[in-house]
Amino acid sequence: MMELNLSGAPDANLISDSDEASFMTDVVEASQHTPIIVDFWAPWCGPCKTLGPQLEKAVIAAKGAVKMVKVNVDEAQMIAGQLQIQSIPTVYAFHKGQPIDGFQGAQPESEIKAFVDRVVKAAGGEAPGDQLAEAVEAAEDMLTEGSAADAAQTFAAILGEDPNHAGAYGGMVRAHIAMGELDQAEALLNGAPIEISKSPELEAAHAQLLLARQAADAGPVTELATAVEANPDDLQARFDLAQALYATGDAEGAVDHLLDIFRRDREWNDGAAKVQLFTIFEAMKANDPIALNGRRKLSSMIFA
């Protein structure tokens, strides 16, 4: 399994408080070495109580690539005036003694993560989002190469860093499908965080699970192919053959037979061929040539 540096305790000095007397040392001078994110807040500010912890979480996730300083504007009015802070919460990022980025008001957690990533990149570092993306890519390679167990461990490590990472969560489900652990895959899907439960990555994993369930009941390819050859209008046999072909890894053959069913009778079995095609397309990567070609052929028949 590929070793990934996704664990380890964060620096105890990542987050600190500052005031007017120490602002030059804590922020301006310190930012010569590490970018400093400054959270200007006040005890009476409602949105500050939400933004502060979210910002701290994102800074800790960066594991030392950036640090955070909290400044109570009630106790640092001169600094607030110099920086022309009109409302709070206000957040500034300093690098080499100068403010390089910032925002005002409450922000979604995704925007806060993106802000921290921008600051780290601007200072020449590697953003935590980039690290996780590289780890997901490595796990996907493992899955493609047949190392499903190693992929599952890597996806689990990524989710330890970011439990709402849709790519890693979908990958974990697909790894269990590849290992034949369909019940475990279904349990993971059912227990997905609400924030990502409707994401494309989880929808694709759900489609793969559905197809894997079907594959367990698929008939023998040779017998079904013979039945279709003997009677090309036997749409049920052709549909069963498509399922059997997909189960053996012949997605292109499955798509071709399903398109043939749709061409012959698009309303057969309540439009089962079209539904099955969309399930297969959804389970594939968006740029998969089989999916792209299949979608194009289906569209040409629908709008003919």
C-alpha atoms as a PDB file:
ATOM      1  CA  MET A   1       0.000   0.000   0.000  1.00  0.00           C
ATOM      2  CA  MET A   2       1.231   3.503  -0.779  1.00  0.00           C
ATOM      3  CA  GLU A   3       2.371   5.404   2.323  1.00  0.00           C
ATOM      4  CA  LEU A   4       0.477   8.666   2.708  1.00  0.00           C
ATOM      5  CA  ASN A   5       1.385  11.368   5.183  1.00  0.00           C
ATOM      6  CA  LEU A   6      -2.166  12.168   6.241  1.00  0.00           C
ATOM      7  CA  SER A   7      -1.830  11.869   9.994  1.00  0.00           C
ATOM      8  CA  GLY A   8       0.036  13.463  12.825  1.00  0.00           C
ATOM      9  CA  ALA A   9      -0.748  15.948  15.579  1.00  0.00           C
ATOM     10  CA  PRO A  10      -0.905  19.597  14.528  1.00  0.00           C
ATOM     11  CA  ASP A  11       1.579  22.171  15.826  1.00  0.00           C
ATOM     12  CA  ALA A  12       0.426  23.335  19.244  1.00  0.00           C
ATOM     13  CA  ASN A  13       1.285  26.920  18.242  1.00  0.00           C
ATOM     14  CA  LEU A  14      -0.887  27.084  15.127  1.00  0.00           C
ATOM     15  CA  ILE A  15      -3.545  29.252  16.779  1.00  0.00           C
ATOM     16  CA  SER A  16      -2.902  32.108  19.183  1.00  0.00           C
ATOM     17  CA  ASP A  17      -4.313  35.400  20.474  1.00  0.00           C
ATOM     18  CA  SER A  18      -2.768  38.799  19.867  1.00  0.00           C
ATOM     19  CA  ASP A  19      -3.328  42.440  20.785  1.00  0.00           C
ATOM     20  CA  GLU A  20      -2.042  45.858  19.803  1.00  0.00           C
ATOM     21  CA  ALA A  21       1.170  45.471  21.794  1.00  0.00           C
ATOM     22  CA  SER A  22       2.183  42.198  20.128  1.00  0.00           C
ATOM     23  CA  PHE A  23       0.561  42.542  16.692  1.00  0.00           C
ATOM     24  CA  MET A  24       3.815  43.476  14.942  1.00  0.00           C
ATOM     25  CA  THR A  25       5.571  40.434  16.404  1.00  0.00           C
ATOM     26  CA  ASP A  26       2.705  37.946  16.147  1.00  0.00           C
ATOM     27  CA  VAL A  27       1.543  38.896  12.646  1.00  0.00           C
ATOM     28  CA  VAL A  28       3.802  41.208  10.630  1.00  0.00           C
ATOM     29  CA  GLU A  29       7.145  39.697  11.684  1.00  0.00           C
ATOM     30  CA  ALA A  30       5.871  36.118  11.985  1.00  0.00           C
ATOM     31  CA  SER A  31       4.436  36.252   8.459  1.00  0.00           C
ATOM     32  CA  GLN A  32       7.970  36.578   7.092  1.00  0.00           C
ATOM     33  CA  HIS A  33       8.332  32.848   7.699  1.00  0.00           C
ATOM     34  CA  THR A  34       4.767  31.449   7.627  1.00  0.00           C
ATOM     35  CA  PRO A  35       1.563  33.029   6.278  1.00  0.00           C
ATOM     36  CA  ILE A  36      -0.612  34.296   9.121  1.00  0.00           C
ATOM     37  CA  ILE A  37      -4.412  34.395   8.979  1.00  0.00           C
ATOM     38  CA  VAL A  38      -5.839  37.025  11.318  1.00  0.00           C
ATOM     39  CA  ASP A  39      -9.389  36.658  12.608  1.00  0.00           C
ATOM     40  CA  PHE A  40     -10.744  40.002  13.804  1.00  0.00           C
ATOM     41  CA  TRP A  41     -13.630  39.269  16.163  1.00  0.00           C
ATOM     42  CA  ALA A  42     -15.479  40.525  19.260  1.00  0.00           C
ATOM     43  CA  PRO A  43     -17.312  38.752  22.100  1.00  0.00           C
ATOM     44  CA  TRP A  44     -20.634  40.365  21.092  1.00  0.00           C
ATOM     45  CA  CYS A  45     -20.381  39.259  17.431  1.00  0.00           C
ATOM     46  CA  GLY A  46     -22.725  36.345  16.709  1.00  0.00           C
ATOM     47  CA  PRO A  47     -21.280  35.264  13.325  1.00  0.00           C
ATOM     48  CA  CYS A  48     -17.785  35.321  14.851  1.00  0.00           C
ATOM     49  CA  LYS A  49     -18.752  32.424  17.111  1.00  0.00           C
ATOM     50  CA  THR A  50     -19.380  30.246  14.058  1.00  0.00           C
ATOM     51  CA  LEU A  51     -16.630  31.501  11.773  1.00  0.00           C
ATOM     52  CA  GLY A  52     -13.848  31.281  14.361  1.00  0.00           C
ATOM     53  CA  PRO A  53     -14.054  27.524  14.998  1.00  0.00           C
ATOM     54  CA  GLN A  54     -14.487  26.794  11.268  1.00  0.00           C
ATOM     55  CA  LEU A  55     -11.397  28.822  10.467  1.00  0.00           C
ATOM     56  CA  GLU A  56      -9.429  27.110  13.235  1.00  0.00           C
ATOM     57  CA  LYS A  57     -10.417  23.710  11.840  1.00  0.00           C
ATOM     58  CA  ALA A  58      -9.200  24.644   8.350  1.00  0.00           C
ATOM     59  CA  VAL A  59      -5.925  26.045   9.713  1.00  0.00           C
ATOM     60  CA  ILE A  60      -5.269  22.894  11.758  1.00  0.00           C
ATOM     61  CA  ALA A  61      -5.965  20.777   8.657  1.00  0.00           C
ATOM     62  CA  ALA A  62      -3.165  22.662   6.856  1.00  0.00           C
ATOM     63  CA  LYS A  63      -0.705  21.175   9.405  1.00  0.00           C
ATOM     64  CA  GLY A  64       1.613  24.122   9.827  1.00  0.00           C
ATOM     65  CA  ALA A  65       1.490  25.545   6.290  1.00  0.00           C
ATOM     66  CA  VAL A  66      -0.368  28.523   7.753  1.00  0.00           C
ATOM     67  CA  LYS A  67      -0.999  29.884  11.250  1.00  0.00           C
ATOM     68  CA  MET A  68      -3.900  31.802  12.767  1.00  0.00           C
ATOM     69  CA  VAL A  69      -3.963  34.781  15.105  1.00  0.00           C
ATOM     70  CA  LYS A  70      -7.160  35.986  16.782  1.00  0.00           C
ATOM     71  CA  VAL A  71      -7.570  39.690  17.542  1.00  0.00           C
ATOM     72  CA  ASN A  72     -10.393  41.092  19.674  1.00  0.00           C
ATOM     73  CA  VAL A  73     -11.207  44.428  17.992  1.00  0.00           C
ATOM     74  CA  ASP A  74     -12.591  45.828  21.250  1.00  0.00           C
ATOM     75  CA  GLU A  75      -9.053  45.592  22.617  1.00  0.00           C
ATOM     76  CA  ALA A  76      -7.257  46.535  19.395  1.00  0.00           C
ATOM     77  CA  GLN A  77      -9.164  49.508  18.000  1.00  0.00           C
ATOM     78  CA  MET A  78      -6.041  51.203  16.660  1.00  0.00           C
ATOM     79  CA  ILE A  79      -5.104  48.137  14.574  1.00  0.00           C
ATOM     80  CA  ALA A  80      -8.701  47.824  13.365  1.00  0.00           C
ATOM     81  CA  GLY A  81      -8.641  51.480  12.321  1.00  0.00           C
ATOM     82  CA  GLN A  82      -5.318  51.158  10.487  1.00  0.00           C
ATOM     83  CA  LEU A  83      -6.646  48.190   8.504  1.00  0.00           C
ATOM     84  CA  GLN A  84      -9.951  50.015   7.850  1.00  0.00           C
ATOM     85  CA  ILE A  85     -12.055  47.233   9.317  1.00  0.00           C
ATOM     86  CA  GLN A  86     -15.673  48.346   8.987  1.00  0.00           C
ATOM     87  CA  SER A  87     -17.460  45.248  10.273  1.00  0.00           C
ATOM     88  CA  ILE A  88     -16.715  41.893  11.827  1.00  0.00           C
ATOM     89  CA  PRO A  89     -15.953  39.158  11.425  1.00  0.00           C
ATOM     90  CA  THR A  90     -13.151  40.253   9.112  1.00  0.00           C
ATOM     91  CA  VAL A  91     -10.312  37.954   8.137  1.00  0.00           C
ATOM     92  CA  TYR A  92      -6.968  38.992   6.630  1.00  0.00           C
ATOM     93  CA  ALA A  93      -4.077  36.829   5.503  1.00  0.00           C
ATOM     94  CA  PHE A  94      -0.558  38.247   5.870  1.00  0.00           C
ATOM     95  CA  HIS A  95       2.574  37.097   4.035  1.00  0.00           C
ATOM     96  CA  LYS A  96       5.969  38.773   4.146  1.00  0.00           C
ATOM     97  CA  GLY A  97       4.461  41.476   6.347  1.00  0.00           C
ATOM     98  CA  GLN A  98       1.680  42.432   3.915  1.00  0.00           C
ATOM     99  CA  PRO A  99      -2.017  41.524   3.671  1.00  0.00           C
ATOM    100  CA  ILE A 100      -2.481  39.291   0.599  1.00  0.00           C
ATOM    101  CA  ASP A 101      -6.097  38.104   0.883  1.00  0.00           C
ATOM    102  CA  GLY A 102      -9.158  38.456   3.062  1.00  0.00           C
ATOM    103  CA  PHE A 103     -12.922  38.476   3.418  1.00  0.00           C
ATOM    104  CA  GLN A 104     -15.715  39.870   5.586  1.00  0.00           C
ATOM    105  CA  GLY A 105     -18.711  38.158   7.143  1.00  0.00           C
ATOM    106  CA  ALA A 106     -19.662  34.536   7.698  1.00  0.00           C
ATOM    107  CA  GLN A 107     -18.708  32.078   4.955  1.00  0.00           C
ATOM    108  CA  PRO A 108     -19.655  28.469   4.090  1.00  0.00           C
ATOM    109  CA  GLU A 109     -17.132  25.920   5.311  1.00  0.00           C
ATOM    110  CA  SER A 110     -16.162  25.089   1.722  1.00  0.00           C
ATOM    111  CA  GLU A 111     -15.258  28.747   1.076  1.00  0.00           C
ATOM    112  CA  ILE A 112     -13.174  28.861   4.256  1.00  0.00           C
ATOM    113  CA  LYS A 113     -11.222  25.794   3.137  1.00  0.00           C
ATOM    114  CA  ALA A 114     -10.723  27.369  -0.293  1.00  0.00           C
ATOM    115  CA  PHE A 115      -9.475  30.586   1.361  1.00  0.00           C
ATOM    116  CA  VAL A 116      -6.893  28.713   3.427  1.00  0.00           C
ATOM    117  CA  ASP A 117      -5.807  26.777   0.322  1.00  0.00           C
ATOM    118  CA  ARG A 118      -5.319  30.066  -1.575  1.00  0.00           C
ATOM    119  CA  VAL A 119      -3.237  31.546   1.207  1.00  0.00           C
ATOM    120  CA  VAL A 120      -1.009  28.484   1.437  1.00  0.00           C
ATOM    121  CA  LYS A 121      -0.516  28.410  -2.342  1.00  0.00           C
ATOM    122  CA  ALA A 122       0.212  32.153  -2.464  1.00  0.00           C
ATOM    123  CA  ALA A 123       3.023  31.565   0.032  1.00  0.00           C
ATOM    124  CA  GLY A 124       4.464  28.771  -2.118  1.00  0.00           C
ATOM    125  CA  GLY A 125       3.178  25.867  -0.033  1.00  0.00           C
ATOM    126  CA  GLU A 126       1.047  22.858  -0.859  1.00  0.00           C
ATOM    127  CA  ALA A 127      -2.576  23.310   0.116  1.00  0.00           C
ATOM    128  CA  PRO A 128      -4.272  20.550   2.147  1.00  0.00           C
ATOM    129  CA  GLY A 129      -6.870  20.226  -0.612  1.00  0.00           C
ATOM    130  CA  ASP A 130      -4.082  19.432  -3.078  1.00  0.00           C
ATOM    131  CA  GLN A 131      -2.638  16.792  -0.748  1.00  0.00           C
ATOM    132  CA  LEU A 132      -6.002  15.071  -0.415  1.00  0.00           C
ATOM    133  CA  ALA A 133      -6.588  15.256  -4.170  1.00  0.00           C
ATOM    134  CA  GLU A 134      -3.251  13.535  -4.761  1.00  0.00           C
ATOM    135  CA  ALA A 135      -4.128  10.875  -2.214  1.00  0.00           C
ATOM    136  CA  VAL A 136      -7.513  10.247  -3.873  1.00  0.00           C
ATOM    137  CA  GLU A 137      -5.793   9.900  -7.246  1.00  0.00           C
ATOM    138  CA  ALA A 138      -3.347   7.396  -5.785  1.00  0.00           C
ATOM    139  CA  ALA A 139      -6.185   5.380  -4.232  1.00  0.00           C
ATOM    140  CA  GLU A 140      -8.087   5.401  -7.535  1.00  0.00           C
ATOM    141  CA  ASP A 141      -4.972   4.002  -9.240  1.00  0.00           C
ATOM    142  CA  MET A 142      -4.847   1.204  -6.662  1.00  0.00           C
ATOM    143  CA  LEU A 143      -8.487   0.410  -7.341  1.00  0.00           C
ATOM    144  CA  THR A 144      -7.908   0.349 -11.101  1.00  0.00           C
ATOM    145  CA  GLU A 145      -4.928  -1.977 -10.643  1.00  0.00           C
ATOM    146  CA  GLY A 146      -6.988  -4.402  -8.556  1.00  0.00           C
ATOM    147  CA  SER A 147      -5.627  -3.508  -5.112  1.00  0.00           C
ATOM    148  CA  ALA A 148      -9.054  -2.823  -3.616  1.00  0.00           C
ATOM    149  CA  ALA A 149      -8.017  -3.465  -0.005  1.00  0.00           C
ATOM    150  CA  ASP A 150      -5.121  -0.996  -0.214  1.00  0.00           C
ATOM    151  CA  ALA A 151      -7.422   1.516  -1.912  1.00  0.00           C
ATOM    152  CA  ALA A 152      -9.965   1.145   0.894  1.00  0.00           C
ATOM    153  CA  GLN A 153      -7.278   1.837   3.520  1.00  0.00           C
ATOM    154  CA  THR A 154      -6.127   4.924   1.646  1.00  0.00           C
ATOM    155  CA  PHE A 155      -9.665   6.235   1.207  1.00  0.00           C
ATOM    156  CA  ALA A 156     -10.215   5.653   4.944  1.00  0.00           C
ATOM    157  CA  ALA A 157      -7.109   7.717   5.756  1.00  0.00           C
ATOM    158  CA  ILE A 158      -8.392  10.567   3.575  1.00  0.00           C
ATOM    159  CA  LEU A 159     -11.790  10.448   5.291  1.00  0.00           C
ATOM    160  CA  GLY A 160      -9.960  10.659   8.610  1.00  0.00           C
ATOM    161  CA  GLU A 161      -8.726  14.050   7.442  1.00  0.00           C
ATOM    162  CA  ASP A 162     -11.980  15.154   5.791  1.00  0.00           C
ATOM    163  CA  PRO A 163     -15.068  13.041   6.611  1.00  0.00           C
ATOM    164  CA  ASN A 164     -17.086  14.942   3.989  1.00  0.00           C
ATOM    165  CA  HIS A 165     -14.709  14.308   1.084  1.00  0.00           C
ATOM    166  CA  ALA A 166     -17.155  13.020  -1.532  1.00  0.00           C
ATOM    167  CA  GLY A 167     -14.447  11.597  -3.794  1.00  0.00           C
ATOM    168  CA  ALA A 168     -12.923   9.542  -0.994  1.00  0.00           C
ATOM    169  CA  TYR A 169     -16.315   8.432   0.331  1.00  0.00           C
ATOM    170  CA  GLY A 170     -17.472   7.290  -3.099  1.00  0.00           C
ATOM    171  CA  GLY A 171     -14.114   5.584  -3.591  1.00  0.00           C
ATOM    172  CA  MET A 172     -14.500   3.730  -0.300  1.00  0.00           C
ATOM    173  CA  VAL A 173     -17.900   2.412  -1.414  1.00  0.00           C
ATOM    174  CA  ARG A 174     -16.511   1.315  -4.773  1.00  0.00           C
ATOM    175  CA  ALA A 175     -13.558  -0.403  -3.092  1.00  0.00           C
ATOM    176  CA  HIS A 176     -15.949  -2.532  -1.024  1.00  0.00           C
ATOM    177  CA  ILE A 177     -17.931  -3.325  -4.178  1.00  0.00           C
ATOM    178  CA  ALA A 178     -14.703  -4.449  -5.859  1.00  0.00           C
ATOM    179  CA  MET A 179     -14.009  -6.733  -2.889  1.00  0.00           C
ATOM    180  CA  GLY A 180     -17.492  -8.233  -3.209  1.00  0.00           C
ATOM    181  CA  GLU A 181     -18.614  -6.707   0.106  1.00  0.00           C
ATOM    182  CA  LEU A 182     -21.901  -5.379  -1.230  1.00  0.00           C
ATOM    183  CA  ASP A 183     -23.706  -5.177   2.113  1.00  0.00           C
ATOM    184  CA  GLN A 184     -20.855  -3.126   3.571  1.00  0.00           C
ATOM    185  CA  ALA A 185     -20.939  -0.851   0.514  1.00  0.00           C
ATOM    186  CA  GLU A 186     -24.683  -0.359   0.932  1.00  0.00           C
ATOM    187  CA  ALA A 187     -24.273   0.391   4.643  1.00  0.00           C
ATOM    188  CA  LEU A 188     -21.683   3.050   3.812  1.00  0.00           C
ATOM    189  CA  LEU A 189     -24.022   4.671   1.296  1.00  0.00           C
ATOM    190  CA  ASN A 190     -26.894   4.652   3.777  1.00  0.00           C
ATOM    191  CA  GLY A 191     -24.674   6.239   6.423  1.00  0.00           C
ATOM    192  CA  ALA A 192     -23.155   8.940   4.213  1.00  0.00           C
ATOM    193  CA  PRO A 193     -23.009  12.474   5.687  1.00  0.00           C
ATOM    194  CA  ILE A 194     -26.009  14.487   4.555  1.00  0.00           C
ATOM    195  CA  GLU A 195     -23.723  17.157   3.065  1.00  0.00           C
ATOM    196  CA  ILE A 196     -22.443  14.761   0.380  1.00  0.00           C
ATOM    197  CA  SER A 197     -25.254  12.204   0.139  1.00  0.00           C
ATOM    198  CA  LYS A 198     -26.477  13.637  -3.197  1.00  0.00           C
ATOM    199  CA  SER A 199     -23.028  14.297  -4.666  1.00  0.00           C
ATOM    200  CA  PRO A 200     -22.139  12.907  -8.126  1.00  0.00           C
ATOM    201  CA  GLU A 201     -19.446  10.718  -6.547  1.00  0.00           C
ATOM    202  CA  LEU A 202     -21.949   8.962  -4.286  1.00  0.00           C
ATOM    203  CA  GLU A 203     -24.581   8.748  -7.015  1.00  0.00           C
ATOM    204  CA  ALA A 204     -21.988   6.968  -9.184  1.00  0.00           C
ATOM    205  CA  ALA A 205     -21.126   4.594  -6.345  1.00  0.00           C
ATOM    206  CA  HIS A 206     -24.828   3.850  -5.841  1.00  0.00           C
ATOM    207  CA  ALA A 207     -25.179   3.035  -9.548  1.00  0.00           C
ATOM    208  CA  GLN A 208     -22.186   0.699  -9.332  1.00  0.00           C
ATOM    209  CA  LEU A 209     -23.734  -1.041  -6.337  1.00  0.00           C
ATOM    210  CA  LEU A 210     -27.010  -1.539  -8.210  1.00  0.00           C
ATOM    211  CA  LEU A 211     -25.158  -3.033 -11.169  1.00  0.00           C
ATOM    212  CA  ALA A 212     -23.126  -5.278  -8.870  1.00  0.00           C
ATOM    213  CA  ARG A 213     -26.347  -6.588  -7.303  1.00  0.00           C
ATOM    214  CA  GLN A 214     -27.683  -7.321 -10.768  1.00  0.00           C
ATOM    215  CA  ALA A 215     -24.449  -9.058 -11.774  1.00  0.00           C
ATOM    216  CA  ALA A 216     -24.914 -11.588  -8.977  1.00  0.00           C
ATOM    217  CA  ASP A 217     -28.132 -12.764 -10.668  1.00  0.00           C
ATOM    218  CA  ALA A 218     -26.900 -12.542 -14.264  1.00  0.00           C
ATOM    219  CA  GLY A 219     -27.237 -15.667 -16.396  1.00  0.00           C
ATOM    220  CA  PRO A 220     -24.526 -17.351 -18.496  1.00  0.00           C
ATOM    221  CA  VAL A 221     -23.423 -15.245 -21.461  1.00  0.00           C
ATOM    222  CA  THR A 222     -23.175 -18.126 -23.948  1.00  0.00           C
ATOM    223  CA  GLU A 223     -26.709 -19.382 -23.380  1.00  0.00           C
ATOM    224  CA  LEU A 224     -28.196 -15.899 -23.483  1.00  0.00           C
ATOM    225  CA  ALA A 225     -26.264 -14.991 -26.637  1.00  0.00           C
ATOM    226  CA  THR A 226     -27.583 -18.139 -28.302  1.00  0.00           C
ATOM    227  CA  ALA A 227     -31.159 -17.248 -27.325  1.00  0.00           C
ATOM    228  CA  VAL A 228     -30.791 -13.728 -28.740  1.00  0.00           C
ATOM    229  CA  GLU A 229     -29.276 -15.052 -31.957  1.00  0.00           C
ATOM    230  CA  ALA A 230     -32.154 -17.506 -32.350  1.00  0.00           C
ATOM    231  CA  ASN A 231     -34.750 -14.787 -31.746  1.00  0.00           C
ATOM    232  CA  PRO A 232     -33.464 -11.187 -32.074  1.00  0.00           C
ATOM    233  CA  ASP A 233     -36.877  -9.869 -31.002  1.00  0.00           C
ATOM    234  CA  ASP A 234     -36.683 -11.612 -27.602  1.00  0.00           C
ATOM    235  CA  LEU A 235     -36.048  -8.389 -25.719  1.00  0.00           C
ATOM    236  CA  GLN A 236     -36.008 -10.011 -22.291  1.00  0.00           C
ATOM    237  CA  ALA A 237     -33.216 -12.361 -23.402  1.00  0.00           C
ATOM    238  CA  ARG A 238     -31.340  -9.407 -24.893  1.00  0.00           C
ATOM    239  CA  PHE A 239     -31.763  -7.436 -21.663  1.00  0.00           C
ATOM    240  CA  ASP A 240     -30.508 -10.404 -19.629  1.00  0.00           C
ATOM    241  CA  LEU A 241     -27.571 -10.741 -22.018  1.00  0.00           C
ATOM    242  CA  ALA A 242     -26.704  -7.076 -21.496  1.00  0.00           C
ATOM    243  CA  GLN A 243     -26.636  -7.624 -17.733  1.00  0.00           C
ATOM    244  CA  ALA A 244     -24.498 -10.737 -18.117  1.00  0.00           C
ATOM    245  CA  LEU A 245     -22.061  -8.937 -20.407  1.00  0.00           C
ATOM    246  CA  TYR A 246     -21.706  -6.045 -17.963  1.00  0.00           C
ATOM    247  CA  ALA A 247     -21.083  -8.550 -15.167  1.00  0.00           C
ATOM    248  CA  THR A 248     -18.172 -10.011 -17.139  1.00  0.00           C
ATOM    249  CA  GLY A 249     -16.667  -6.558 -17.727  1.00  0.00           C
ATOM    250  CA  ASP A 250     -17.980  -6.001 -21.259  1.00  0.00           C
ATOM    251  CA  ALA A 251     -19.662  -2.638 -20.677  1.00  0.00           C
ATOM    252  CA  GLU A 252     -19.543  -1.729 -24.352  1.00  0.00           C
ATOM    253  CA  GLY A 253     -21.353  -4.925 -25.351  1.00  0.00           C
ATOM    254  CA  ALA A 254     -23.971  -4.324 -22.666  1.00  0.00           C
ATOM    255  CA  VAL A 255     -24.569  -0.771 -23.878  1.00  0.00           C
ATOM    256  CA  ASP A 256     -24.874  -1.913 -27.498  1.00  0.00           C
ATOM    257  CA  HIS A 257     -27.571  -4.481 -26.664  1.00  0.00           C
ATOM    258  CA  LEU A 258     -29.493  -2.014 -24.489  1.00  0.00           C
ATOM    259  CA  LEU A 259     -29.411   0.544 -27.303  1.00  0.00           C
ATOM    260  CA  ASP A 260     -30.721  -2.180 -29.627  1.00  0.00           C
ATOM    261  CA  ILE A 261     -33.640  -2.819 -27.249  1.00  0.00           C
ATOM    262  CA  PHE A 262     -34.427   0.898 -27.106  1.00  0.00           C
ATOM    263  CA  ARG A 263     -34.297   1.118 -30.910  1.00  0.00           C
ATOM    264  CA  ARG A 264     -36.688  -1.816 -31.273  1.00  0.00           C
ATOM    265  CA  ASP A 265     -39.147  -0.788 -28.540  1.00  0.00           C
ATOM    266  CA  ARG A 266     -38.296   2.162 -26.321  1.00  0.00           C
ATOM    267  CA  GLU A 267     -41.305   1.536 -24.057  1.00  0.00           C
ATOM    268  CA  TRP A 268     -40.550  -2.150 -23.483  1.00  0.00           C
ATOM    269  CA  ASN A 269     -40.867  -3.139 -19.817  1.00  0.00           C
ATOM    270  CA  ASP A 270     -41.606   0.458 -18.738  1.00  0.00           C
ATOM    271  CA  GLY A 271     -38.518   1.773 -20.519  1.00  0.00           C
ATOM    272  CA  ALA A 272     -36.165  -0.661 -18.766  1.00  0.00           C
ATOM    273  CA  ALA A 273     -33.448  -0.342 -21.415  1.00  0.00           C
ATOM    274  CA  LYS A 274     -33.208   3.439 -21.026  1.00  0.00           C
ATOM    275  CA  VAL A 275     -33.163   3.171 -17.229  1.00  0.00           C
ATOM    276  CA  GLN A 276     -30.417   0.553 -17.373  1.00  0.00           C
ATOM    277  CA  LEU A 277     -28.386   2.653 -19.790  1.00  0.00           C
ATOM    278  CA  PHE A 278     -28.519   5.659 -17.507  1.00  0.00           C
ATOM    279  CA  THR A 279     -27.494   3.479 -14.561  1.00  0.00           C
ATOM    280  CA  ILE A 280     -24.441   2.278 -16.492  1.00  0.00           C
ATOM    281  CA  PHE A 281     -23.551   5.790 -17.669  1.00  0.00           C
ATOM    282  CA  GLU A 282     -23.880   7.124 -14.114  1.00  0.00           C
ATOM    283  CA  ALA A 283     -21.566   4.410 -12.796  1.00  0.00           C
ATOM    284  CA  MET A 284     -18.861   5.360 -15.304  1.00  0.00           C
ATOM    285  CA  LYS A 285     -16.543   8.330 -15.285  1.00  0.00           C
ATOM    286  CA  ALA A 286     -18.041  11.259 -17.164  1.00  0.00           C
ATOM    287  CA  ASN A 287     -15.317  11.183 -19.821  1.00  0.00           C
ATOM    288  CA  ASP A 288     -15.429   7.422 -20.400  1.00  0.00           C
ATOM    289  CA  PRO A 289     -15.575   6.893 -24.208  1.00  0.00           C
ATOM    290  CA  ILE A 290     -18.186   4.133 -23.839  1.00  0.00           C
ATOM    291  CA  ALA A 291     -20.454   6.432 -21.822  1.00  0.00           C
ATOM    292  CA  LEU A 292     -19.911   9.400 -24.135  1.00  0.00           C
ATOM    293  CA  ASN A 293     -20.596   7.357 -27.264  1.00  0.00           C
ATOM    294  CA  GLY A 294     -23.567   5.604 -25.658  1.00  0.00           C
ATOM    295  CA  ARG A 295     -25.146   8.872 -24.533  1.00  0.00           C
ATOM    296  CA  ARG A 296     -24.709  10.329 -28.017  1.00  0.00           C
ATOM    297  CA  LYS A 297     -26.364   7.320 -29.689  1.00  0.00           C
ATOM    298  CA  LEU A 298     -29.214   7.292 -27.167  1.00  0.00           C
ATOM    299  CA  SER A 299     -29.820  11.027 -27.633  1.00  0.00           C
ATOM    300  CA  SER A 300     -29.911  10.642 -31.406  1.00  0.00           C
ATOM    301  CA  MET A 301     -32.632   8.001 -31.062  1.00  0.00           C
ATOM    302  CA  ILE A 302     -34.638   9.962 -28.494  1.00  0.00           C
ATOM    303  CA  PHE A 303     -34.679  13.136 -30.589  1.00  0.00           C
ATOM    304  CA  ALA A 304     -34.870  11.479 -34.006  1.00  0.00           C
END
